[in-house]
Amino acid sequence: MAKQKKYVSKKDALKKLEHYCAYQDRCHSEVRSKLLDLGIYGDDLEEIITDLIADNFLNEERFARSFARGKQRMKKWGRYKITSHLKAKQISAYCIKKAMEELDEEDYLETLRNLLEKRLKSDYSYNSVGKAAKFVIGKGYESALVWETIKSMRQEGT
């Protein structure tokens, strides 16, 4: 038997969503999905989203920036993977561009290098290099940058 959804008033839904957004930055699609789960539709849904934006609980640029910083720092994702996940969350191109500005180039390259060093362990055989490159490219790093980094690591003998 299907579970009956109880009706949530617009005022209660707004309070719940304020807490939801205050706990962690959210994007519009996550908030819209949460409201639909609460049984809020149509004009009420749009009004709640508008109120959340007006009260600065919901800010897509802030979400995109913190998402990019967090994924790069914690999960060590590259630009491609971060961008594709932001696109999947229906983030605007402008906000994605702003999010990419959050990635410090020096840290980004150092993270890439560390990931490669961990994978390669001074073994530059054809198979090892291929596997390491595939791994970091899968994490969203640009292939040209990956190969350039591997080349410089080989020359340094690390």
N, C-alpha and C. Protein backbone atom coordinates (compact mmCIF):
# COMPACT_ATOMS: atom_id res chain seq x y z
N MET A 1 0.84 -1.19 0.00
CA MET A 1 0.00 0.00 0.00
C MET A 1 0.89 1.25 0.00
N ALA A 2 0.56 2.20 -0.87
CA ALA A 2 1.35 3.43 -1.01
C ALA A 2 1.17 4.31 0.23
N LYS A 3 2.26 4.93 0.64
CA LYS A 3 2.24 5.80 1.81
C LYS A 3 1.55 7.12 1.44
N GLN A 4 0.59 7.53 2.24
CA GLN A 4 -0.16 8.76 2.00
C GLN A 4 0.69 9.95 2.40
N LYS A 5 0.86 10.91 1.46
CA LYS A 5 1.60 12.13 1.77
C LYS A 5 0.68 13.07 2.53
N LYS A 6 1.21 13.62 3.63
CA LYS A 6 0.37 14.58 4.35
C LYS A 6 0.60 15.96 3.76
N TYR A 7 -0.41 16.78 3.81
CA TYR A 7 -0.33 18.12 3.24
C TYR A 7 0.52 19.01 4.14
N VAL A 8 1.41 19.76 3.53
CA VAL A 8 2.25 20.72 4.25
C VAL A 8 1.84 22.10 3.79
N SER A 9 1.58 23.00 4.74
CA SER A 9 1.17 24.35 4.37
C SER A 9 2.34 25.09 3.73
N LYS A 10 2.02 26.14 3.01
CA LYS A 10 3.04 26.94 2.34
C LYS A 10 4.00 27.54 3.37
N LYS A 11 3.45 28.02 4.49
CA LYS A 11 4.27 28.62 5.54
C LYS A 11 5.22 27.59 6.15
N ASP A 12 4.70 26.38 6.43
CA ASP A 12 5.53 25.31 7.00
C ASP A 12 6.61 24.88 6.00
N ALA A 13 6.21 24.80 4.75
CA ALA A 13 7.16 24.40 3.70
C ALA A 13 8.29 25.42 3.60
N LEU A 14 7.95 26.70 3.68
CA LEU A 14 8.97 27.75 3.61
C LEU A 14 9.95 27.60 4.77
N LYS A 15 9.44 27.36 5.97
CA LYS A 15 10.31 27.18 7.15
C LYS A 15 11.22 25.97 6.96
N LYS A 16 10.65 24.86 6.50
CA LYS A 16 11.45 23.64 6.27
C LYS A 16 12.55 23.90 5.25
N LEU A 17 12.21 24.61 4.18
CA LEU A 17 13.18 24.87 3.13
C LEU A 17 14.24 25.87 3.56
N GLU A 18 13.88 26.79 4.45
CA GLU A 18 14.88 27.71 4.99
C GLU A 18 15.93 26.93 5.78
N HIS A 19 15.48 25.98 6.58
CA HIS A 19 16.42 25.13 7.33
C HIS A 19 17.25 24.27 6.38
N TYR A 20 16.58 23.72 5.38
CA TYR A 20 17.23 22.87 4.38
C TYR A 20 18.35 23.63 3.67
N CYS A 21 18.09 24.88 3.31
CA CYS A 21 19.08 25.69 2.60
C CYS A 21 20.13 26.27 3.54
N ALA A 22 19.77 26.51 4.80
CA ALA A 22 20.73 27.07 5.76
C ALA A 22 21.76 26.02 6.16
N TYR A 23 21.35 24.76 6.18
CA TYR A 23 22.25 23.67 6.56
C TYR A 23 23.40 23.52 5.58
N GLN A 24 23.09 23.68 4.29
CA GLN A 24 24.10 23.50 3.24
C GLN A 24 23.60 24.24 2.00
N ASP A 25 24.52 24.80 1.22
CA ASP A 25 24.12 25.48 -0.02
C ASP A 25 23.39 24.50 -0.92
N ARG A 26 22.30 24.94 -1.51
CA ARG A 26 21.50 24.10 -2.40
C ARG A 26 21.32 24.81 -3.73
N CYS A 27 21.05 24.00 -4.77
CA CYS A 27 20.74 24.58 -6.07
C CYS A 27 19.22 24.58 -6.26
N HIS A 28 18.77 25.30 -7.25
CA HIS A 28 17.34 25.43 -7.51
C HIS A 28 16.67 24.08 -7.74
N SER A 29 17.34 23.20 -8.49
CA SER A 29 16.73 21.90 -8.80
C SER A 29 16.55 21.04 -7.54
N GLU A 30 17.50 21.11 -6.59
CA GLU A 30 17.36 20.37 -5.33
C GLU A 30 16.18 20.90 -4.51
N VAL A 31 16.04 22.22 -4.47
CA VAL A 31 14.96 22.85 -3.71
C VAL A 31 13.61 22.52 -4.36
N ARG A 32 13.57 22.60 -5.68
CA ARG A 32 12.33 22.29 -6.41
C ARG A 32 11.92 20.84 -6.13
N SER A 33 12.88 19.93 -6.16
CA SER A 33 12.61 18.52 -5.91
C SER A 33 12.10 18.31 -4.48
N LYS A 34 12.71 18.99 -3.51
CA LYS A 34 12.29 18.89 -2.11
C LYS A 34 10.86 19.39 -1.94
N LEU A 35 10.54 20.51 -2.60
CA LEU A 35 9.18 21.04 -2.51
C LEU A 35 8.16 20.08 -3.12
N LEU A 36 8.51 19.48 -4.23
CA LEU A 36 7.61 18.51 -4.85
C LEU A 36 7.40 17.31 -3.92
N ASP A 37 8.46 16.89 -3.23
CA ASP A 37 8.34 15.79 -2.25
C ASP A 37 7.40 16.16 -1.10
N LEU A 38 7.39 17.45 -0.76
CA LEU A 38 6.51 17.92 0.31
C LEU A 38 5.07 18.13 -0.17
N GLY A 39 4.86 17.98 -1.47
CA GLY A 39 3.51 18.15 -2.02
C GLY A 39 3.18 19.58 -2.37
N ILE A 40 4.18 20.42 -2.59
CA ILE A 40 3.97 21.82 -2.96
C ILE A 40 4.16 21.94 -4.47
N TYR A 41 3.17 22.51 -5.15
CA TYR A 41 3.21 22.61 -6.61
C TYR A 41 2.83 24.01 -7.07
N GLY A 42 3.02 24.25 -8.37
CA GLY A 42 2.52 25.45 -9.04
C GLY A 42 3.02 26.76 -8.48
N ASP A 43 2.08 27.69 -8.31
CA ASP A 43 2.41 29.04 -7.86
C ASP A 43 3.05 29.05 -6.47
N ASP A 44 2.55 28.19 -5.58
CA ASP A 44 3.12 28.13 -4.23
C ASP A 44 4.60 27.75 -4.29
N LEU A 45 4.92 26.78 -5.11
CA LEU A 45 6.30 26.35 -5.28
C LEU A 45 7.17 27.51 -5.77
N GLU A 46 6.71 28.19 -6.80
CA GLU A 46 7.48 29.32 -7.36
C GLU A 46 7.62 30.46 -6.35
N GLU A 47 6.57 30.72 -5.58
CA GLU A 47 6.63 31.79 -4.57
C GLU A 47 7.63 31.46 -3.47
N ILE A 48 7.66 30.19 -3.05
CA ILE A 48 8.61 29.78 -2.00
C ILE A 48 10.04 29.93 -2.52
N ILE A 49 10.28 29.49 -3.76
CA ILE A 49 11.63 29.64 -4.34
C ILE A 49 12.01 31.11 -4.43
N THR A 50 11.07 31.95 -4.85
CA THR A 50 11.32 33.40 -4.94
C THR A 50 11.65 33.98 -3.56
N ASP A 51 10.89 33.55 -2.53
CA ASP A 51 11.15 34.03 -1.16
C ASP A 51 12.54 33.59 -0.69
N LEU A 52 12.90 32.35 -0.97
CA LEU A 52 14.22 31.84 -0.56
C LEU A 52 15.35 32.61 -1.23
N ILE A 53 15.16 32.97 -2.50
CA ILE A 53 16.16 33.76 -3.22
C ILE A 53 16.25 35.16 -2.64
N ALA A 54 15.08 35.76 -2.39
CA ALA A 54 15.02 37.12 -1.86
C ALA A 54 15.69 37.21 -0.48
N ASP A 55 15.51 36.16 0.34
CA ASP A 55 16.10 36.14 1.68
C ASP A 55 17.52 35.57 1.69
N ASN A 56 18.06 35.33 0.53
CA ASN A 56 19.43 34.83 0.33
C ASN A 56 19.67 33.44 0.93
N PHE A 57 18.60 32.64 1.06
CA PHE A 57 18.79 31.25 1.46
C PHE A 57 19.21 30.44 0.24
N LEU A 58 18.80 30.90 -0.91
CA LEU A 58 19.06 30.19 -2.16
C LEU A 58 19.82 31.11 -3.10
N ASN A 59 21.04 30.71 -3.43
CA ASN A 59 21.88 31.52 -4.31
C ASN A 59 22.68 30.55 -5.17
N GLU A 60 22.32 30.49 -6.44
CA GLU A 60 22.91 29.49 -7.32
C GLU A 60 24.40 29.71 -7.56
N GLU A 61 24.84 30.95 -7.64
CA GLU A 61 26.27 31.21 -7.84
C GLU A 61 27.06 30.75 -6.63
N ARG A 62 26.55 31.07 -5.44
CA ARG A 62 27.22 30.64 -4.20
C ARG A 62 27.27 29.12 -4.13
N PHE A 63 26.17 28.47 -4.52
CA PHE A 63 26.13 27.00 -4.54
C PHE A 63 27.21 26.46 -5.48
N ALA A 64 27.27 26.99 -6.69
CA ALA A 64 28.21 26.50 -7.70
C ALA A 64 29.65 26.67 -7.22
N ARG A 65 29.94 27.82 -6.63
CA ARG A 65 31.29 28.08 -6.13
C ARG A 65 31.68 27.10 -5.02
N SER A 66 30.79 26.91 -4.05
CA SER A 66 31.13 26.01 -2.95
C SER A 66 31.17 24.55 -3.41
N PHE A 67 30.31 24.18 -4.37
CA PHE A 67 30.33 22.83 -4.94
C PHE A 67 31.68 22.56 -5.59
N ALA A 68 32.15 23.51 -6.40
CA ALA A 68 33.42 23.35 -7.11
C ALA A 68 34.59 23.26 -6.12
N ARG A 69 34.61 24.16 -5.15
CA ARG A 69 35.68 24.12 -4.14
C ARG A 69 35.69 22.80 -3.39
N GLY A 70 34.54 22.40 -2.95
CA GLY A 70 34.42 21.17 -2.16
C GLY A 70 34.81 19.92 -2.93
N LYS A 71 34.31 19.79 -4.14
CA LYS A 71 34.61 18.59 -4.94
C LYS A 71 36.08 18.54 -5.31
N GLN A 72 36.68 19.69 -5.57
CA GLN A 72 38.09 19.71 -5.94
C GLN A 72 38.96 19.39 -4.72
N ARG A 73 38.61 19.97 -3.59
CA ARG A 73 39.42 19.79 -2.39
C ARG A 73 39.20 18.42 -1.74
N MET A 74 37.96 17.98 -1.64
CA MET A 74 37.66 16.75 -0.91
C MET A 74 37.73 15.50 -1.79
N LYS A 75 37.12 15.56 -2.96
CA LYS A 75 37.09 14.38 -3.83
C LYS A 75 38.15 14.42 -4.92
N LYS A 76 38.86 15.54 -4.98
CA LYS A 76 39.95 15.73 -5.95
C LYS A 76 39.48 15.58 -7.40
N TRP A 77 38.32 16.17 -7.67
CA TRP A 77 37.78 16.14 -9.02
C TRP A 77 38.44 17.20 -9.88
N GLY A 78 38.48 16.93 -11.19
CA GLY A 78 38.99 17.89 -12.15
C GLY A 78 37.87 18.77 -12.69
N ARG A 79 38.25 19.73 -13.53
CA ARG A 79 37.29 20.71 -14.07
C ARG A 79 36.15 20.06 -14.86
N TYR A 80 36.49 19.06 -15.69
CA TYR A 80 35.45 18.45 -16.53
C TYR A 80 34.36 17.78 -15.69
N LYS A 81 34.75 17.06 -14.67
CA LYS A 81 33.77 16.34 -13.85
C LYS A 81 32.92 17.33 -13.05
N ILE A 82 33.55 18.34 -12.50
CA ILE A 82 32.80 19.36 -11.75
C ILE A 82 31.80 20.04 -12.66
N THR A 83 32.26 20.43 -13.86
CA THR A 83 31.38 21.10 -14.82
C THR A 83 30.21 20.22 -15.21
N SER A 84 30.47 18.95 -15.48
CA SER A 84 29.38 18.07 -15.91
C SER A 84 28.37 17.84 -14.80
N HIS A 85 28.84 17.77 -13.55
CA HIS A 85 27.91 17.60 -12.43
C HIS A 85 27.09 18.87 -12.20
N LEU A 86 27.69 20.03 -12.39
CA LEU A 86 26.94 21.28 -12.27
C LEU A 86 25.89 21.39 -13.37
N LYS A 87 26.26 20.98 -14.59
CA LYS A 87 25.30 21.00 -15.70
C LYS A 87 24.14 20.05 -15.41
N ALA A 88 24.43 18.90 -14.81
CA ALA A 88 23.39 17.93 -14.46
C ALA A 88 22.42 18.52 -13.43
N LYS A 89 22.92 19.44 -12.62
CA LYS A 89 22.07 20.11 -11.63
C LYS A 89 21.40 21.36 -12.21
N GLN A 90 21.52 21.53 -13.52
CA GLN A 90 20.89 22.63 -14.27
C GLN A 90 21.38 24.01 -13.82
N ILE A 91 22.68 24.09 -13.56
CA ILE A 91 23.30 25.36 -13.18
C ILE A 91 23.62 26.13 -14.46
N SER A 92 23.41 27.44 -14.43
CA SER A 92 23.64 28.26 -15.62
C SER A 92 25.11 28.31 -16.01
N ALA A 93 25.37 28.59 -17.27
CA ALA A 93 26.74 28.68 -17.78
C ALA A 93 27.52 29.77 -17.04
N TYR A 94 26.86 30.87 -16.73
CA TYR A 94 27.50 31.97 -16.00
C TYR A 94 27.99 31.48 -14.63
N CYS A 95 27.13 30.76 -13.90
CA CYS A 95 27.50 30.27 -12.57
C CYS A 95 28.60 29.21 -12.64
N ILE A 96 28.57 28.40 -13.68
CA ILE A 96 29.62 27.39 -13.87
C ILE A 96 30.96 28.09 -14.10
N LYS A 97 30.93 29.15 -14.92
CA LYS A 97 32.15 29.91 -15.19
C LYS A 97 32.69 30.51 -13.89
N LYS A 98 31.81 31.06 -13.07
CA LYS A 98 32.21 31.64 -11.78
C LYS A 98 32.77 30.55 -10.86
N ALA A 99 32.18 29.37 -10.89
CA ALA A 99 32.64 28.25 -10.06
C ALA A 99 34.05 27.83 -10.45
N MET A 100 34.34 27.85 -11.74
CA MET A 100 35.67 27.45 -12.21
C MET A 100 36.74 28.44 -11.76
N GLU A 101 36.33 29.69 -11.53
CA GLU A 101 37.27 30.70 -11.03
C GLU A 101 37.71 30.39 -9.60
N GLU A 102 36.91 29.59 -8.89
CA GLU A 102 37.23 29.23 -7.51
C GLU A 102 38.41 28.27 -7.41
N LEU A 103 38.70 27.56 -8.50
CA LEU A 103 39.77 26.56 -8.47
C LEU A 103 41.12 27.24 -8.66
N ASP A 104 41.91 27.23 -7.61
CA ASP A 104 43.24 27.83 -7.65
C ASP A 104 44.13 26.97 -8.55
N GLU A 105 44.71 27.58 -9.56
CA GLU A 105 45.49 26.85 -10.56
C GLU A 105 46.66 26.08 -9.94
N GLU A 106 47.34 26.69 -9.00
CA GLU A 106 48.48 26.04 -8.36
C GLU A 106 48.04 24.79 -7.58
N ASP A 107 46.97 24.93 -6.80
CA ASP A 107 46.44 23.78 -6.04
C ASP A 107 45.94 22.69 -6.98
N TYR A 108 45.30 23.11 -8.05
CA TYR A 108 44.74 22.18 -9.04
C TYR A 108 45.85 21.32 -9.64
N LEU A 109 46.94 21.95 -10.05
CA LEU A 109 48.07 21.23 -10.64
C LEU A 109 48.77 20.34 -9.61
N GLU A 110 48.87 20.84 -8.39
CA GLU A 110 49.50 20.05 -7.32
C GLU A 110 48.66 18.81 -7.01
N THR A 111 47.35 18.95 -6.98
CA THR A 111 46.46 17.82 -6.74
C THR A 111 46.61 16.78 -7.85
N LEU A 112 46.63 17.25 -9.09
CA LEU A 112 46.82 16.36 -10.23
C LEU A 112 48.14 15.60 -10.09
N ARG A 113 49.18 16.32 -9.79
CA ARG A 113 50.51 15.71 -9.64
C ARG A 113 50.51 14.67 -8.52
N ASN A 114 49.90 15.01 -7.38
CA ASN A 114 49.83 14.08 -6.24
C ASN A 114 49.06 12.81 -6.60
N LEU A 115 47.96 12.97 -7.30
CA LEU A 115 47.18 11.81 -7.73
C LEU A 115 48.02 10.90 -8.64
N LEU A 116 48.74 11.51 -9.56
CA LEU A 116 49.59 10.73 -10.47
C LEU A 116 50.74 10.05 -9.72
N GLU A 117 51.38 10.78 -8.81
CA GLU A 117 52.48 10.20 -8.04
C GLU A 117 52.01 9.00 -7.23
N LYS A 118 50.85 9.13 -6.63
CA LYS A 118 50.29 8.05 -5.83
C LYS A 118 50.04 6.81 -6.70
N ARG A 119 49.54 7.03 -7.91
CA ARG A 119 49.24 5.93 -8.82
C ARG A 119 50.48 5.31 -9.43
N LEU A 120 51.44 6.15 -9.77
CA LEU A 120 52.61 5.66 -10.50
C LEU A 120 53.68 5.04 -9.60
N LYS A 121 53.89 5.59 -8.42
CA LYS A 121 54.92 5.09 -7.49
C LYS A 121 56.26 4.86 -8.20
N SER A 122 56.69 5.80 -8.99
CA SER A 122 57.97 5.76 -9.73
C SER A 122 58.03 4.66 -10.80
N ASP A 123 56.88 4.06 -11.13
CA ASP A 123 56.83 3.03 -12.17
C ASP A 123 56.27 3.66 -13.44
N TYR A 124 57.16 3.98 -14.38
CA TYR A 124 56.73 4.64 -15.60
C TYR A 124 56.60 3.67 -16.76
N SER A 125 56.24 2.43 -16.47
CA SER A 125 56.04 1.47 -17.56
C SER A 125 54.80 1.89 -18.34
N TYR A 126 54.71 1.40 -19.55
CA TYR A 126 53.61 1.75 -20.45
C TYR A 126 52.25 1.52 -19.79
N ASN A 127 52.08 0.33 -19.18
CA ASN A 127 50.80 0.00 -18.54
C ASN A 127 50.50 0.90 -17.36
N SER A 128 51.48 1.14 -16.51
CA SER A 128 51.27 1.97 -15.32
C SER A 128 50.88 3.39 -15.69
N VAL A 129 51.59 3.95 -16.65
CA VAL A 129 51.30 5.31 -17.09
C VAL A 129 49.90 5.39 -17.69
N GLY A 130 49.55 4.40 -18.50
CA GLY A 130 48.22 4.38 -19.11
C GLY A 130 47.11 4.29 -18.07
N LYS A 131 47.31 3.42 -17.08
CA LYS A 131 46.30 3.27 -16.02
C LYS A 131 46.18 4.53 -15.18
N ALA A 132 47.31 5.12 -14.84
CA ALA A 132 47.30 6.34 -14.03
C ALA A 132 46.62 7.48 -14.79
N ALA A 133 46.96 7.60 -16.07
CA ALA A 133 46.35 8.66 -16.89
C ALA A 133 44.84 8.45 -17.00
N LYS A 134 44.43 7.22 -17.23
CA LYS A 134 43.00 6.91 -17.34
C LYS A 134 42.27 7.24 -16.04
N PHE A 135 42.90 6.94 -14.91
CA PHE A 135 42.32 7.22 -13.61
C PHE A 135 42.06 8.71 -13.41
N VAL A 136 43.09 9.55 -13.64
CA VAL A 136 42.92 10.99 -13.39
C VAL A 136 42.04 11.65 -14.45
N ILE A 137 42.07 11.15 -15.67
CA ILE A 137 41.16 11.68 -16.70
C ILE A 137 39.73 11.34 -16.30
N GLY A 138 39.53 10.17 -15.72
CA GLY A 138 38.21 9.77 -15.21
C GLY A 138 37.74 10.65 -14.06
N LYS A 139 38.70 11.24 -13.34
CA LYS A 139 38.35 12.17 -12.26
C LYS A 139 38.05 13.56 -12.80
N GLY A 140 38.16 13.73 -14.12
CA GLY A 140 37.77 14.99 -14.72
C GLY A 140 38.89 15.93 -15.08
N TYR A 141 40.12 15.46 -15.03
CA TYR A 141 41.24 16.32 -15.41
C TYR A 141 41.41 16.31 -16.94
N GLU A 142 41.87 17.41 -17.47
CA GLU A 142 42.03 17.57 -18.90
C GLU A 142 43.16 16.67 -19.39
N SER A 143 42.91 15.89 -20.44
CA SER A 143 43.90 14.90 -20.89
C SER A 143 45.23 15.55 -21.31
N ALA A 144 45.18 16.68 -21.97
CA ALA A 144 46.42 17.34 -22.38
C ALA A 144 47.25 17.72 -21.15
N LEU A 145 46.59 18.20 -20.13
CA LEU A 145 47.26 18.58 -18.89
C LEU A 145 47.84 17.35 -18.18
N VAL A 146 47.09 16.25 -18.21
CA VAL A 146 47.55 15.00 -17.59
C VAL A 146 48.83 14.52 -18.26
N TRP A 147 48.82 14.46 -19.58
CA TRP A 147 50.00 13.97 -20.31
C TRP A 147 51.20 14.91 -20.16
N GLU A 148 50.92 16.19 -20.12
CA GLU A 148 51.98 17.18 -19.92
C GLU A 148 52.62 16.98 -18.53
N THR A 149 51.78 16.74 -17.53
CA THR A 149 52.27 16.52 -16.16
C THR A 149 53.08 15.23 -16.07
N ILE A 150 52.58 14.18 -16.70
CA ILE A 150 53.32 12.90 -16.70
C ILE A 150 54.68 13.09 -17.36
N LYS A 151 54.69 13.81 -18.47
CA LYS A 151 55.95 14.06 -19.20
C LYS A 151 56.95 14.80 -18.29
N SER A 152 56.48 15.83 -17.60
CA SER A 152 57.39 16.59 -16.74
C SER A 152 57.84 15.76 -15.55
N MET A 153 56.97 14.88 -15.03
CA MET A 153 57.35 14.01 -13.91
C MET A 153 58.43 13.02 -14.35
N ARG A 154 58.29 12.48 -15.57
CA ARG A 154 59.28 11.56 -16.11
C ARG A 154 60.65 12.23 -16.22
N GLN A 155 60.64 13.46 -16.73
CA GLN A 155 61.88 14.20 -16.92
C GLN A 155 62.56 14.51 -15.59
N GLU A 156 61.74 14.76 -14.58
CA GLU A 156 62.30 15.05 -13.24
C GLU A 156 62.74 13.76 -12.55
N GLY A 157 62.18 12.64 -13.01
CA GLY A 157 62.53 11.35 -12.42
C GLY A 157 61.85 11.07 -11.10
N THR A 158 60.64 11.69 -10.91
CA THR A 158 59.89 11.46 -9.66
C THR A 158 59.10 10.20 -9.72
